[in-house]
Amino acid sequence: MANQIKEEKKTRIDKWLWAVRIFKSRTLANDVVKRNKVSLNGKNAKPSTSVSIGDRVKVMKNGFELDFEVVRVIAKRVGAPIAQTCYVDHTPEEELNKYQDWFVGKAKGEFREKGTGRPTKRERRDISKFKEDYLEWDGDE
């Protein structure tokens, strides 16, 4: 299966990020690189910047700073199991878990008893009023 991958010596960074499934589309990868959210070996990258084996790629995605080392250079999108063999993830564990402390102890999503159906228009107004009052209250009153 690995023989089916056509390895390159160099390829564009936006193309590589898309090919190894860091981003869903090449357009999205290109936009993120243009917004200076991607660095290659410590320097901000342009979409046309070439990636080669041994390079370090840092990506800001959804509030996380991901850190990858390029092991294989590919230009075509491949399946997820094969894509994972193209890089080594050096992202620190604290970075991956940084939102965990923020979510601990937070209220769960809203819940409605089974079989009660959707709220009526009147119930929705009451819920909205309650939420507005609750969010305005700062706890000092």
N, C-alpha and C. Protein backbone atom coordinates (compact mmCIF):
# COMPACT_ATOMS: atom_id res chain seq x y z
N MET A 1 0.82 -1.19 0.00
CA MET A 1 0.00 0.00 0.00
C MET A 1 0.87 1.26 0.00
N ALA A 2 1.96 1.23 0.76
CA ALA A 2 2.84 2.39 0.83
C ALA A 2 3.53 2.63 -0.52
N ASN A 3 3.63 1.59 -1.34
CA ASN A 3 4.25 1.74 -2.65
C ASN A 3 3.38 2.55 -3.60
N GLN A 4 2.09 2.70 -3.29
CA GLN A 4 1.19 3.44 -4.14
C GLN A 4 1.38 4.96 -4.00
N ILE A 5 2.06 5.38 -2.96
CA ILE A 5 2.26 6.81 -2.72
C ILE A 5 3.42 7.29 -3.56
N LYS A 6 3.19 8.36 -4.30
CA LYS A 6 4.27 8.96 -5.06
C LYS A 6 4.92 10.01 -4.20
N GLU A 7 6.13 9.71 -3.73
CA GLU A 7 6.85 10.65 -2.88
C GLU A 7 7.57 11.68 -3.75
N GLU A 8 7.61 12.89 -3.23
CA GLU A 8 8.25 14.01 -3.92
C GLU A 8 9.50 14.42 -3.13
N LYS A 9 10.36 15.21 -3.75
CA LYS A 9 11.48 15.78 -3.00
C LYS A 9 11.02 17.04 -2.29
N LYS A 10 10.19 17.83 -2.97
CA LYS A 10 9.63 19.06 -2.40
C LYS A 10 8.21 19.23 -2.91
N THR A 11 7.40 19.93 -2.10
CA THR A 11 6.06 20.31 -2.54
C THR A 11 5.64 21.56 -1.79
N ARG A 12 4.62 22.22 -2.28
CA ARG A 12 4.13 23.43 -1.63
C ARG A 12 3.58 23.09 -0.24
N ILE A 13 3.73 24.01 0.71
CA ILE A 13 3.30 23.74 2.08
C ILE A 13 1.78 23.61 2.18
N ASP A 14 1.03 24.42 1.43
CA ASP A 14 -0.42 24.31 1.49
C ASP A 14 -0.89 22.97 0.92
N LYS A 15 -0.21 22.51 -0.10
CA LYS A 15 -0.53 21.23 -0.71
C LYS A 15 -0.22 20.07 0.25
N TRP A 16 0.91 20.16 0.94
CA TRP A 16 1.30 19.12 1.89
C TRP A 16 0.34 19.06 3.07
N LEU A 17 -0.03 20.23 3.63
CA LEU A 17 -0.97 20.27 4.76
C LEU A 17 -2.31 19.65 4.39
N TRP A 18 -2.74 19.85 3.16
CA TRP A 18 -3.99 19.25 2.68
C TRP A 18 -3.80 17.75 2.44
N ALA A 19 -2.68 17.36 1.84
CA ALA A 19 -2.43 15.97 1.50
C ALA A 19 -2.34 15.07 2.73
N VAL A 20 -1.76 15.57 3.83
CA VAL A 20 -1.63 14.76 5.04
C VAL A 20 -2.81 14.97 6.00
N ARG A 21 -3.86 15.62 5.50
CA ARG A 21 -5.14 15.76 6.20
C ARG A 21 -5.10 16.61 7.45
N ILE A 22 -4.25 17.63 7.47
CA ILE A 22 -4.28 18.60 8.56
C ILE A 22 -5.48 19.52 8.33
N PHE A 23 -5.79 19.81 7.06
CA PHE A 23 -6.94 20.62 6.68
C PHE A 23 -7.81 19.86 5.69
N LYS A 24 -9.11 20.15 5.73
CA LYS A 24 -10.08 19.44 4.90
C LYS A 24 -9.95 19.77 3.42
N SER A 25 -9.56 21.01 3.12
CA SER A 25 -9.46 21.40 1.72
C SER A 25 -8.16 22.17 1.49
N ARG A 26 -7.74 22.17 0.26
CA ARG A 26 -6.52 22.90 -0.07
C ARG A 26 -6.75 24.39 0.05
N THR A 27 -7.95 24.84 -0.27
CA THR A 27 -8.29 26.25 -0.14
C THR A 27 -8.17 26.70 1.31
N LEU A 28 -8.67 25.89 2.23
CA LEU A 28 -8.59 26.20 3.65
C LEU A 28 -7.12 26.25 4.10
N ALA A 29 -6.33 25.30 3.65
CA ALA A 29 -4.91 25.27 3.98
C ALA A 29 -4.22 26.52 3.44
N ASN A 30 -4.54 26.89 2.23
CA ASN A 30 -3.96 28.07 1.60
C ASN A 30 -4.33 29.33 2.38
N ASP A 31 -5.59 29.46 2.79
CA ASP A 31 -6.03 30.63 3.54
C ASP A 31 -5.32 30.74 4.89
N VAL A 32 -5.15 29.62 5.57
CA VAL A 32 -4.48 29.63 6.87
C VAL A 32 -3.02 30.05 6.71
N VAL A 33 -2.37 29.57 5.69
CA VAL A 33 -0.97 29.94 5.44
C VAL A 33 -0.88 31.43 5.12
N LYS A 34 -1.82 31.94 4.32
CA LYS A 34 -1.81 33.36 3.96
C LYS A 34 -2.00 34.25 5.18
N ARG A 35 -2.73 33.78 6.19
CA ARG A 35 -2.97 34.57 7.40
C ARG A 35 -1.83 34.42 8.41
N ASN A 36 -0.69 33.91 7.99
CA ASN A 36 0.50 33.74 8.83
C ASN A 36 0.24 32.87 10.06
N LYS A 37 -0.54 31.81 9.89
CA LYS A 37 -0.81 30.88 10.98
C LYS A 37 0.05 29.63 10.86
N VAL A 38 0.93 29.62 9.85
CA VAL A 38 1.80 28.47 9.62
C VAL A 38 3.24 28.96 9.53
N SER A 39 4.13 28.27 10.26
CA SER A 39 5.55 28.61 10.15
C SER A 39 6.33 27.34 9.78
N LEU A 40 7.36 27.55 9.00
CA LEU A 40 8.22 26.46 8.55
C LEU A 40 9.62 26.75 9.07
N ASN A 41 10.13 25.86 9.92
CA ASN A 41 11.45 26.01 10.53
C ASN A 41 11.60 27.38 11.21
N GLY A 42 10.55 27.82 11.90
CA GLY A 42 10.60 29.05 12.67
C GLY A 42 10.31 30.33 11.91
N LYS A 43 10.07 30.25 10.60
CA LYS A 43 9.78 31.45 9.81
C LYS A 43 8.38 31.33 9.22
N ASN A 44 7.66 32.47 9.16
CA ASN A 44 6.33 32.46 8.56
C ASN A 44 6.43 31.97 7.13
N ALA A 45 5.47 31.13 6.75
CA ALA A 45 5.49 30.54 5.42
C ALA A 45 4.47 31.21 4.51
N LYS A 46 4.76 31.18 3.23
CA LYS A 46 3.81 31.59 2.20
C LYS A 46 3.25 30.31 1.60
N PRO A 47 2.09 30.36 0.94
CA PRO A 47 1.53 29.13 0.36
C PRO A 47 2.46 28.41 -0.61
N SER A 48 3.32 29.16 -1.28
CA SER A 48 4.22 28.54 -2.26
C SER A 48 5.53 28.03 -1.65
N THR A 49 5.72 28.21 -0.35
CA THR A 49 6.94 27.75 0.30
C THR A 49 7.06 26.23 0.17
N SER A 50 8.24 25.76 -0.17
CA SER A 50 8.46 24.32 -0.36
C SER A 50 8.75 23.62 0.96
N VAL A 51 8.21 22.42 1.08
CA VAL A 51 8.43 21.58 2.25
C VAL A 51 9.30 20.41 1.81
N SER A 52 10.28 20.05 2.63
CA SER A 52 11.10 18.88 2.33
C SER A 52 11.26 18.05 3.61
N ILE A 53 11.80 16.87 3.47
CA ILE A 53 11.94 15.95 4.61
C ILE A 53 12.81 16.59 5.69
N GLY A 54 12.37 16.46 6.94
CA GLY A 54 13.11 17.00 8.08
C GLY A 54 12.66 18.38 8.52
N ASP A 55 11.81 19.05 7.73
CA ASP A 55 11.32 20.38 8.11
C ASP A 55 10.37 20.29 9.29
N ARG A 56 10.32 21.36 10.09
CA ARG A 56 9.37 21.47 11.20
C ARG A 56 8.29 22.46 10.79
N VAL A 57 7.05 22.03 10.89
CA VAL A 57 5.90 22.85 10.52
C VAL A 57 5.06 23.09 11.76
N LYS A 58 4.82 24.37 12.08
CA LYS A 58 3.94 24.73 13.20
C LYS A 58 2.69 25.37 12.62
N VAL A 59 1.53 24.89 13.08
CA VAL A 59 0.25 25.33 12.55
C VAL A 59 -0.65 25.77 13.70
N MET A 60 -1.24 26.97 13.58
CA MET A 60 -2.26 27.42 14.52
C MET A 60 -3.61 27.02 13.94
N LYS A 61 -4.29 26.09 14.62
CA LYS A 61 -5.57 25.60 14.12
C LYS A 61 -6.53 25.47 15.29
N ASN A 62 -7.65 26.17 15.22
CA ASN A 62 -8.70 26.12 16.25
C ASN A 62 -8.17 26.44 17.64
N GLY A 63 -7.24 27.36 17.73
CA GLY A 63 -6.71 27.76 19.03
C GLY A 63 -5.58 26.87 19.55
N PHE A 64 -5.22 25.85 18.81
CA PHE A 64 -4.13 24.95 19.20
C PHE A 64 -2.92 25.25 18.32
N GLU A 65 -1.72 25.13 18.90
CA GLU A 65 -0.50 25.27 18.11
C GLU A 65 0.07 23.88 17.90
N LEU A 66 -0.15 23.35 16.71
CA LEU A 66 0.30 22.00 16.36
C LEU A 66 1.72 22.06 15.81
N ASP A 67 2.51 21.05 16.11
CA ASP A 67 3.91 21.01 15.71
C ASP A 67 4.18 19.67 15.03
N PHE A 68 4.62 19.72 13.77
CA PHE A 68 4.86 18.50 13.00
C PHE A 68 6.27 18.50 12.42
N GLU A 69 6.82 17.30 12.28
CA GLU A 69 8.08 17.12 11.55
C GLU A 69 7.75 16.33 10.30
N VAL A 70 8.21 16.82 9.16
CA VAL A 70 7.92 16.19 7.88
C VAL A 70 8.81 14.95 7.72
N VAL A 71 8.16 13.78 7.52
CA VAL A 71 8.89 12.53 7.32
C VAL A 71 8.83 12.11 5.86
N ARG A 72 7.67 12.35 5.23
CA ARG A 72 7.49 12.05 3.81
C ARG A 72 6.85 13.25 3.14
N VAL A 73 7.26 13.55 1.94
CA VAL A 73 6.69 14.65 1.19
C VAL A 73 5.79 14.05 0.11
N ILE A 74 4.51 14.37 0.21
CA ILE A 74 3.55 13.90 -0.80
C ILE A 74 2.75 15.10 -1.30
N ALA A 75 2.25 14.99 -2.52
CA ALA A 75 1.48 16.09 -3.10
C ALA A 75 0.03 15.71 -3.33
N LYS A 76 -0.29 14.43 -3.28
CA LYS A 76 -1.67 13.97 -3.49
C LYS A 76 -2.26 13.53 -2.16
N ARG A 77 -3.54 13.77 -1.98
CA ARG A 77 -4.23 13.40 -0.75
C ARG A 77 -4.32 11.89 -0.64
N VAL A 78 -4.07 11.38 0.56
CA VAL A 78 -4.10 9.94 0.80
C VAL A 78 -5.02 9.65 1.99
N GLY A 79 -5.26 8.39 2.25
CA GLY A 79 -6.08 7.99 3.38
C GLY A 79 -5.42 8.36 4.70
N ALA A 80 -6.26 8.46 5.74
CA ALA A 80 -5.77 8.89 7.06
C ALA A 80 -4.66 8.01 7.61
N PRO A 81 -4.76 6.67 7.54
CA PRO A 81 -3.67 5.85 8.09
C PRO A 81 -2.33 6.09 7.38
N ILE A 82 -2.38 6.29 6.08
CA ILE A 82 -1.15 6.55 5.32
C ILE A 82 -0.65 7.97 5.61
N ALA A 83 -1.58 8.92 5.73
CA ALA A 83 -1.21 10.31 5.99
C ALA A 83 -0.45 10.44 7.30
N GLN A 84 -0.82 9.67 8.29
CA GLN A 84 -0.16 9.75 9.59
C GLN A 84 1.29 9.27 9.54
N THR A 85 1.64 8.51 8.54
CA THR A 85 3.03 8.05 8.41
C THR A 85 3.91 9.12 7.75
N CYS A 86 3.31 10.21 7.28
CA CYS A 86 4.06 11.25 6.57
C CYS A 86 4.61 12.32 7.49
N TYR A 87 4.24 12.28 8.76
CA TYR A 87 4.74 13.27 9.71
C TYR A 87 4.85 12.67 11.10
N VAL A 88 5.65 13.35 11.93
CA VAL A 88 5.76 13.00 13.35
C VAL A 88 5.17 14.18 14.11
N ASP A 89 4.20 13.89 14.97
CA ASP A 89 3.53 14.93 15.73
C ASP A 89 4.33 15.24 16.99
N HIS A 90 4.87 16.46 17.08
CA HIS A 90 5.64 16.90 18.24
C HIS A 90 4.85 17.87 19.11
N THR A 91 3.54 17.94 18.92
CA THR A 91 2.70 18.85 19.69
C THR A 91 2.74 18.44 21.16
N PRO A 92 3.06 19.39 22.06
CA PRO A 92 3.12 19.05 23.49
C PRO A 92 1.76 18.62 24.03
N GLU A 93 1.77 17.71 24.99
CA GLU A 93 0.54 17.20 25.58
C GLU A 93 -0.26 18.32 26.24
N GLU A 94 0.45 19.30 26.86
CA GLU A 94 -0.26 20.41 27.50
C GLU A 94 -1.04 21.22 26.48
N GLU A 95 -0.50 21.35 25.29
CA GLU A 95 -1.18 22.11 24.23
C GLU A 95 -2.46 21.41 23.81
N LEU A 96 -2.41 20.09 23.70
CA LEU A 96 -3.59 19.35 23.30
C LEU A 96 -4.66 19.35 24.40
N ASN A 97 -4.25 19.47 25.66
CA ASN A 97 -5.20 19.43 26.77
C ASN A 97 -5.48 20.81 27.36
N LYS A 98 -5.11 21.88 26.69
CA LYS A 98 -5.21 23.20 27.32
C LYS A 98 -6.63 23.65 27.58
N TYR A 99 -7.60 23.13 26.87
CA TYR A 99 -8.99 23.52 27.11
C TYR A 99 -9.68 22.62 28.12
N GLN A 100 -9.04 21.53 28.49
CA GLN A 100 -9.67 20.59 29.40
C GLN A 100 -9.98 21.23 30.75
N ASP A 101 -9.06 22.00 31.32
CA ASP A 101 -9.30 22.67 32.60
C ASP A 101 -10.43 23.68 32.50
N TRP A 102 -10.53 24.33 31.37
CA TRP A 102 -11.57 25.32 31.18
C TRP A 102 -12.96 24.68 31.20
N PHE A 103 -13.08 23.48 30.65
CA PHE A 103 -14.38 22.81 30.57
C PHE A 103 -14.77 22.10 31.86
N VAL A 104 -13.81 21.78 32.72
CA VAL A 104 -14.11 21.04 33.94
C VAL A 104 -15.03 21.87 34.83
N GLY A 105 -16.13 21.26 35.26
CA GLY A 105 -17.07 21.92 36.16
C GLY A 105 -18.08 22.80 35.46
N LYS A 106 -18.02 22.88 34.17
CA LYS A 106 -18.98 23.70 33.44
C LYS A 106 -20.28 22.93 33.29
N ALA A 107 -21.35 23.66 33.15
CA ALA A 107 -22.67 23.04 33.01
C ALA A 107 -22.74 22.24 31.72
N LYS A 108 -23.53 21.20 31.76
CA LYS A 108 -23.72 20.39 30.56
C LYS A 108 -24.72 21.10 29.65
N GLY A 109 -24.88 20.59 28.47
CA GLY A 109 -25.82 21.15 27.53
C GLY A 109 -27.25 21.08 28.06
N GLU A 110 -28.10 21.82 27.43
CA GLU A 110 -29.49 21.83 27.86
C GLU A 110 -30.12 20.47 27.62
N PHE A 111 -31.06 20.12 28.50
CA PHE A 111 -31.68 18.81 28.44
C PHE A 111 -33.19 18.97 28.55
N ARG A 112 -33.91 18.23 27.78
CA ARG A 112 -35.36 18.23 27.81
C ARG A 112 -35.83 16.80 27.99
N GLU A 113 -36.81 16.59 28.84
CA GLU A 113 -37.32 15.25 29.10
C GLU A 113 -37.76 14.57 27.81
N LYS A 114 -37.52 13.29 27.73
CA LYS A 114 -37.88 12.53 26.55
C LYS A 114 -39.41 12.51 26.41
N GLY A 115 -39.88 12.74 25.22
CA GLY A 115 -41.31 12.69 24.95
C GLY A 115 -42.02 14.02 25.09
N THR A 116 -41.33 15.06 25.56
CA THR A 116 -41.99 16.36 25.73
C THR A 116 -42.00 17.16 24.43
N GLY A 117 -41.22 16.76 23.45
CA GLY A 117 -41.21 17.45 22.17
C GLY A 117 -40.47 18.77 22.22
N ARG A 118 -40.62 19.52 21.14
CA ARG A 118 -39.95 20.81 21.06
C ARG A 118 -40.68 21.83 21.91
N PRO A 119 -39.97 22.85 22.40
CA PRO A 119 -40.65 23.87 23.19
C PRO A 119 -41.61 24.68 22.32
N THR A 120 -42.70 25.11 22.93
CA THR A 120 -43.64 25.97 22.22
C THR A 120 -43.06 27.36 22.13
N LYS A 121 -43.72 28.22 21.38
CA LYS A 121 -43.24 29.58 21.23
C LYS A 121 -43.20 30.28 22.60
N ARG A 122 -44.20 30.06 23.40
CA ARG A 122 -44.26 30.66 24.73
C ARG A 122 -43.12 30.14 25.61
N GLU A 123 -42.88 28.83 25.57
CA GLU A 123 -41.79 28.24 26.35
C GLU A 123 -40.43 28.78 25.90
N ARG A 124 -40.25 28.96 24.59
CA ARG A 124 -38.99 29.50 24.08
C ARG A 124 -38.76 30.92 24.59
N ARG A 125 -39.83 31.73 24.62
CA ARG A 125 -39.71 33.09 25.14
C ARG A 125 -39.32 33.07 26.61
N ASP A 126 -39.95 32.17 27.38
CA ASP A 126 -39.63 32.05 28.80
C ASP A 126 -38.18 31.62 29.01
N ILE A 127 -37.72 30.67 28.20
CA ILE A 127 -36.34 30.19 28.30
C ILE A 127 -35.37 31.33 27.97
N SER A 128 -35.66 32.06 26.90
CA SER A 128 -34.80 33.19 26.51
C SER A 128 -34.74 34.24 27.60
N LYS A 129 -35.89 34.57 28.19
CA LYS A 129 -35.94 35.57 29.26
C LYS A 129 -35.12 35.10 30.46
N PHE A 130 -35.27 33.81 30.81
CA PHE A 130 -34.52 33.25 31.93
C PHE A 130 -33.01 33.35 31.67
N LYS A 131 -32.58 32.99 30.45
CA LYS A 131 -31.16 33.04 30.11
C LYS A 131 -30.63 34.47 30.17
N GLU A 132 -31.39 35.42 29.65
CA GLU A 132 -30.96 36.82 29.68
C GLU A 132 -30.79 37.29 31.12
N ASP A 133 -31.78 36.97 31.96
CA ASP A 133 -31.71 37.38 33.37
C ASP A 133 -30.54 36.70 34.07
N TYR A 134 -30.32 35.44 33.78
CA TYR A 134 -29.24 34.68 34.42
C TYR A 134 -27.88 35.23 34.02
N LEU A 135 -27.70 35.54 32.73
CA LEU A 135 -26.41 36.02 32.25
C LEU A 135 -26.13 37.44 32.74
N GLU A 136 -27.17 38.25 32.96
CA GLU A 136 -26.96 39.61 33.46
C GLU A 136 -26.63 39.62 34.94
N TRP A 137 -27.10 38.63 35.68
CA TRP A 137 -26.85 38.56 37.11
C TRP A 137 -25.40 38.22 37.35
N ASP A 138 -24.69 39.00 38.16
CA ASP A 138 -23.27 38.78 38.40
C ASP A 138 -22.98 38.09 39.71
N GLY A 139 -24.02 37.75 40.48
CA GLY A 139 -23.83 37.00 41.70
C GLY A 139 -23.61 37.86 42.94
N ASP A 140 -23.54 39.19 42.80
CA ASP A 140 -23.29 40.07 43.95
C ASP A 140 -24.58 40.59 44.58
N GLU A 141 -25.68 40.37 43.92
CA GLU A 141 -26.95 40.92 44.42
C GLU A 141 -27.55 40.09 45.51
